[in-house]
Amino acid sequence: MLYTSLFIAILALFFSFYAGTRVGQFISSTKDLDWTAIANMTGDLASTKKTIQTLNNRINGMHSPKIAEQELMLQLLQNQGKGVSNGKTTQIGG
């Protein structure tokens, strides 16, 4: 039992030193970073992503709901025109 707890404590100490070393490497690697350039790149990336999403929606036909509404209105007008030209009108409802 004593050896197990000693082994776990040494292992935890080793992992903490390893994590500290990695954090130190990260801080030293980002020390001379131009944060303004990164912010600009992030904004450019977001606008590019939005453009790609808009293009994909257009390709899939999901971007233009007005066209679907216009087609529906045209079908309704054509159906009403057919009913009047035959001389038969169907009444819907009471």
N, C-alpha and C. Protein backbone atom coordinates (compact mmCIF):
# COMPACT_ATOMS: atom_id res chain seq x y z
N MET A 1 0.82 -1.18 0.00
CA MET A 1 0.00 0.00 0.00
C MET A 1 0.87 1.26 0.00
N LEU A 2 1.96 1.21 0.74
CA LEU A 2 2.86 2.34 0.81
C LEU A 2 3.57 2.57 -0.52
N TYR A 3 3.97 1.48 -1.15
CA TYR A 3 4.66 1.60 -2.43
C TYR A 3 3.73 2.11 -3.53
N THR A 4 2.48 1.71 -3.48
CA THR A 4 1.50 2.14 -4.47
C THR A 4 1.27 3.65 -4.38
N SER A 5 1.09 4.15 -3.18
CA SER A 5 0.86 5.59 -3.03
C SER A 5 2.11 6.38 -3.39
N LEU A 6 3.32 5.85 -3.07
CA LEU A 6 4.56 6.52 -3.45
C LEU A 6 4.71 6.56 -4.97
N PHE A 7 4.38 5.45 -5.62
CA PHE A 7 4.45 5.40 -7.08
C PHE A 7 3.48 6.39 -7.72
N ILE A 8 2.26 6.48 -7.20
CA ILE A 8 1.27 7.41 -7.74
C ILE A 8 1.72 8.86 -7.53
N ALA A 9 2.32 9.15 -6.39
CA ALA A 9 2.80 10.51 -6.12
C ALA A 9 3.93 10.89 -7.07
N ILE A 10 4.85 9.99 -7.31
CA ILE A 10 5.96 10.25 -8.23
C ILE A 10 5.44 10.41 -9.65
N LEU A 11 4.48 9.59 -10.02
CA LEU A 11 3.88 9.69 -11.35
C LEU A 11 3.16 11.04 -11.53
N ALA A 12 2.44 11.48 -10.51
CA ALA A 12 1.75 12.77 -10.57
C ALA A 12 2.76 13.92 -10.67
N LEU A 13 3.88 13.81 -9.96
CA LEU A 13 4.92 14.83 -10.04
C LEU A 13 5.52 14.88 -11.45
N PHE A 14 5.75 13.71 -12.03
CA PHE A 14 6.28 13.65 -13.39
C PHE A 14 5.32 14.30 -14.39
N PHE A 15 4.03 13.99 -14.29
CA PHE A 15 3.04 14.56 -15.20
C PHE A 15 2.91 16.07 -15.02
N SER A 16 3.04 16.55 -13.79
CA SER A 16 2.95 18.00 -13.58
C SER A 16 4.15 18.72 -14.18
N PHE A 17 5.35 18.13 -14.05
CA PHE A 17 6.53 18.72 -14.70
C PHE A 17 6.38 18.73 -16.22
N TYR A 18 5.85 17.65 -16.76
CA TYR A 18 5.64 17.55 -18.20
C TYR A 18 4.64 18.61 -18.69
N ALA A 19 3.55 18.78 -17.94
CA ALA A 19 2.56 19.79 -18.31
C ALA A 19 3.14 21.19 -18.20
N GLY A 20 3.93 21.44 -17.17
CA GLY A 20 4.57 22.75 -17.02
C GLY A 20 5.52 23.06 -18.16
N THR A 21 6.25 22.06 -18.60
CA THR A 21 7.16 22.22 -19.73
C THR A 21 6.39 22.55 -21.00
N ARG A 22 5.29 21.85 -21.23
CA ARG A 22 4.48 22.12 -22.43
C ARG A 22 3.88 23.52 -22.41
N VAL A 23 3.40 23.97 -21.26
CA VAL A 23 2.84 25.32 -21.15
C VAL A 23 3.94 26.36 -21.40
N GLY A 24 5.11 26.12 -20.86
CA GLY A 24 6.24 27.03 -21.10
C GLY A 24 6.61 27.11 -22.57
N GLN A 25 6.60 25.98 -23.26
CA GLN A 25 6.89 25.98 -24.70
C GLN A 25 5.83 26.74 -25.47
N PHE A 26 4.58 26.60 -25.07
CA PHE A 26 3.50 27.31 -25.75
C PHE A 26 3.63 28.81 -25.55
N ILE A 27 3.93 29.23 -24.34
CA ILE A 27 4.07 30.66 -24.06
C ILE A 27 5.26 31.24 -24.83
N SER A 28 6.37 30.53 -24.88
CA SER A 28 7.53 31.04 -25.61
C SER A 28 7.29 31.06 -27.12
N SER A 29 6.50 30.14 -27.62
CA SER A 29 6.24 30.12 -29.07
C SER A 29 5.27 31.21 -29.49
N THR A 30 4.40 31.65 -28.59
CA THR A 30 3.43 32.70 -28.93
C THR A 30 3.86 34.07 -28.43
N LYS A 31 5.07 34.19 -27.97
CA LYS A 31 5.55 35.46 -27.41
C LYS A 31 5.63 36.56 -28.46
N ASP A 32 6.17 36.26 -29.63
CA ASP A 32 6.38 37.26 -30.68
C ASP A 32 5.28 37.22 -31.73
N LEU A 33 4.10 36.79 -31.36
CA LEU A 33 3.01 36.66 -32.31
C LEU A 33 2.30 37.99 -32.49
N ASP A 34 1.95 38.33 -33.72
CA ASP A 34 1.24 39.57 -34.02
C ASP A 34 -0.26 39.30 -33.90
N TRP A 35 -0.83 39.72 -32.78
CA TRP A 35 -2.23 39.42 -32.50
C TRP A 35 -3.18 40.17 -33.41
N THR A 36 -2.78 41.32 -33.93
CA THR A 36 -3.62 42.06 -34.86
C THR A 36 -3.78 41.29 -36.17
N ALA A 37 -2.68 40.71 -36.63
CA ALA A 37 -2.75 39.91 -37.85
C ALA A 37 -3.63 38.69 -37.66
N ILE A 38 -3.56 38.08 -36.49
CA ILE A 38 -4.39 36.91 -36.21
C ILE A 38 -5.86 37.31 -36.18
N ALA A 39 -6.16 38.47 -35.59
CA ALA A 39 -7.56 38.94 -35.57
C ALA A 39 -8.06 39.20 -36.97
N ASN A 40 -7.23 39.79 -37.83
CA ASN A 40 -7.63 40.04 -39.22
C ASN A 40 -7.86 38.73 -39.98
N MET A 41 -6.98 37.77 -39.76
CA MET A 41 -7.14 36.47 -40.42
C MET A 41 -8.42 35.78 -39.95
N THR A 42 -8.73 35.91 -38.67
CA THR A 42 -9.95 35.31 -38.14
C THR A 42 -11.18 35.92 -38.79
N GLY A 43 -11.18 37.26 -38.95
CA GLY A 43 -12.30 37.93 -39.62
C GLY A 43 -12.42 37.52 -41.07
N ASP A 44 -11.28 37.41 -41.75
CA ASP A 44 -11.31 36.97 -43.15
C ASP A 44 -11.82 35.55 -43.27
N LEU A 45 -11.42 34.70 -42.34
CA LEU A 45 -11.88 33.33 -42.35
C LEU A 45 -13.38 33.25 -42.14
N ALA A 46 -13.90 34.08 -41.25
CA ALA A 46 -15.34 34.07 -40.98
C ALA A 46 -16.12 34.53 -42.21
N SER A 47 -15.62 35.57 -42.89
CA SER A 47 -16.33 36.04 -44.08
C SER A 47 -16.25 35.02 -45.21
N THR A 48 -15.12 34.33 -45.33
CA THR A 48 -14.99 33.28 -46.34
C THR A 48 -15.93 32.13 -46.04
N LYS A 49 -16.04 31.77 -44.77
CA LYS A 49 -16.96 30.70 -44.37
C LYS A 49 -18.40 31.07 -44.70
N LYS A 50 -18.78 32.31 -44.42
CA LYS A 50 -20.14 32.77 -44.71
C LYS A 50 -20.41 32.74 -46.21
N THR A 51 -19.43 33.14 -47.01
CA THR A 51 -19.58 33.11 -48.46
C THR A 51 -19.76 31.68 -48.97
N ILE A 52 -18.99 30.76 -48.43
CA ILE A 52 -19.10 29.36 -48.84
C ILE A 52 -20.46 28.79 -48.44
N GLN A 53 -20.94 29.13 -47.24
CA GLN A 53 -22.25 28.65 -46.82
C GLN A 53 -23.35 29.20 -47.72
N THR A 54 -23.25 30.48 -48.09
CA THR A 54 -24.24 31.07 -48.98
C THR A 54 -24.22 30.39 -50.34
N LEU A 55 -23.03 30.13 -50.85
CA LEU A 55 -22.91 29.45 -52.13
C LEU A 55 -23.50 28.05 -52.07
N ASN A 56 -23.21 27.32 -51.00
CA ASN A 56 -23.77 25.98 -50.86
C ASN A 56 -25.29 26.02 -50.77
N ASN A 57 -25.82 27.00 -50.07
CA ASN A 57 -27.27 27.12 -49.97
C ASN A 57 -27.89 27.44 -51.33
N ARG A 58 -27.22 28.25 -52.10
CA ARG A 58 -27.74 28.55 -53.45
C ARG A 58 -27.71 27.32 -54.33
N ILE A 59 -26.63 26.56 -54.21
CA ILE A 59 -26.51 25.34 -55.02
C ILE A 59 -27.61 24.36 -54.62
N ASN A 60 -27.88 24.25 -53.34
CA ASN A 60 -28.91 23.33 -52.87
C ASN A 60 -30.32 23.86 -53.07
N GLY A 61 -30.45 25.11 -53.43
CA GLY A 61 -31.76 25.69 -53.67
C GLY A 61 -32.47 26.13 -52.41
N MET A 62 -31.76 26.21 -51.32
CA MET A 62 -32.39 26.58 -50.07
C MET A 62 -32.36 28.08 -49.81
N HIS A 63 -31.61 28.80 -50.62
CA HIS A 63 -31.40 30.21 -50.35
C HIS A 63 -32.51 31.10 -50.89
N SER A 64 -33.33 30.60 -51.78
CA SER A 64 -34.32 31.45 -52.43
C SER A 64 -35.74 30.99 -52.13
N PRO A 65 -36.26 31.30 -50.97
CA PRO A 65 -37.63 30.90 -50.67
C PRO A 65 -38.65 31.70 -51.47
N LYS A 66 -38.27 32.86 -51.99
CA LYS A 66 -39.20 33.67 -52.77
C LYS A 66 -39.58 32.96 -54.06
N ILE A 67 -38.63 32.25 -54.63
CA ILE A 67 -38.91 31.53 -55.88
C ILE A 67 -39.95 30.44 -55.63
N ALA A 68 -39.84 29.74 -54.53
CA ALA A 68 -40.82 28.69 -54.21
C ALA A 68 -42.20 29.30 -54.00
N GLU A 69 -42.25 30.46 -53.33
CA GLU A 69 -43.54 31.12 -53.13
C GLU A 69 -44.12 31.58 -54.45
N GLN A 70 -43.28 32.09 -55.34
CA GLN A 70 -43.76 32.54 -56.65
C GLN A 70 -44.29 31.37 -57.46
N GLU A 71 -43.61 30.24 -57.40
CA GLU A 71 -44.08 29.06 -58.13
C GLU A 71 -45.42 28.59 -57.57
N LEU A 72 -45.59 28.64 -56.27
CA LEU A 72 -46.85 28.25 -55.66
C LEU A 72 -47.98 29.18 -56.09
N MET A 73 -47.70 30.49 -56.12
CA MET A 73 -48.71 31.45 -56.56
C MET A 73 -49.07 31.22 -58.02
N LEU A 74 -48.07 30.91 -58.87
CA LEU A 74 -48.34 30.62 -60.28
C LEU A 74 -49.23 29.39 -60.42
N GLN A 75 -48.95 28.35 -59.62
CA GLN A 75 -49.78 27.15 -59.69
C GLN A 75 -51.20 27.44 -59.25
N LEU A 76 -51.37 28.26 -58.21
CA LEU A 76 -52.71 28.61 -57.77
C LEU A 76 -53.45 29.40 -58.84
N LEU A 77 -52.75 30.34 -59.47
CA LEU A 77 -53.39 31.12 -60.54
C LEU A 77 -53.76 30.24 -61.73
N GLN A 78 -52.88 29.29 -62.06
CA GLN A 78 -53.18 28.39 -63.17
C GLN A 78 -54.37 27.49 -62.83
N ASN A 79 -54.44 27.01 -61.61
CA ASN A 79 -55.56 26.17 -61.20
C ASN A 79 -56.87 26.95 -61.22
N GLN A 80 -56.81 28.21 -60.80
CA GLN A 80 -58.02 29.04 -60.84
C GLN A 80 -58.41 29.32 -62.28
N GLY A 81 -57.44 29.55 -63.13
CA GLY A 81 -57.71 29.79 -64.55
C GLY A 81 -58.32 28.57 -65.22
N LYS A 82 -57.86 27.39 -64.87
CA LYS A 82 -58.41 26.17 -65.45
C LYS A 82 -59.85 25.96 -65.02
N GLY A 83 -60.15 26.28 -63.79
CA GLY A 83 -61.52 26.10 -63.29
C GLY A 83 -62.49 27.04 -63.98
N VAL A 84 -62.09 28.25 -64.27
CA VAL A 84 -62.97 29.22 -64.92
C VAL A 84 -63.10 28.90 -66.40
N SER A 85 -62.03 28.44 -67.06
CA SER A 85 -62.10 28.18 -68.49
C SER A 85 -62.98 26.96 -68.79
N ASN A 86 -63.07 26.00 -67.88
CA ASN A 86 -63.94 24.84 -68.09
C ASN A 86 -65.40 25.18 -67.81
N GLY A 87 -65.63 26.28 -67.15
CA GLY A 87 -66.98 26.63 -66.78
C GLY A 87 -67.40 25.98 -65.48
N LYS A 88 -66.52 25.18 -64.92
CA LYS A 88 -66.83 24.50 -63.66
C LYS A 88 -65.94 25.10 -62.58
N THR A 89 -66.54 25.48 -61.53
CA THR A 89 -65.78 25.96 -60.39
C THR A 89 -66.08 25.05 -59.22
N THR A 90 -65.07 24.75 -58.49
CA THR A 90 -65.28 23.93 -57.32
C THR A 90 -65.19 24.80 -56.09
N GLN A 91 -66.15 24.62 -55.23
CA GLN A 91 -66.18 25.42 -54.04
C GLN A 91 -65.56 24.62 -52.90
N ILE A 92 -64.64 25.25 -52.23
CA ILE A 92 -63.98 24.61 -51.11
C ILE A 92 -64.50 25.25 -49.85
N GLY A 93 -64.91 24.46 -48.93
CA GLY A 93 -65.39 25.01 -47.67
C GLY A 93 -66.90 25.05 -47.65
N GLY A 94 -67.47 25.77 -46.67
CA GLY A 94 -68.90 25.74 -46.49
C GLY A 94 -69.54 26.98 -46.90
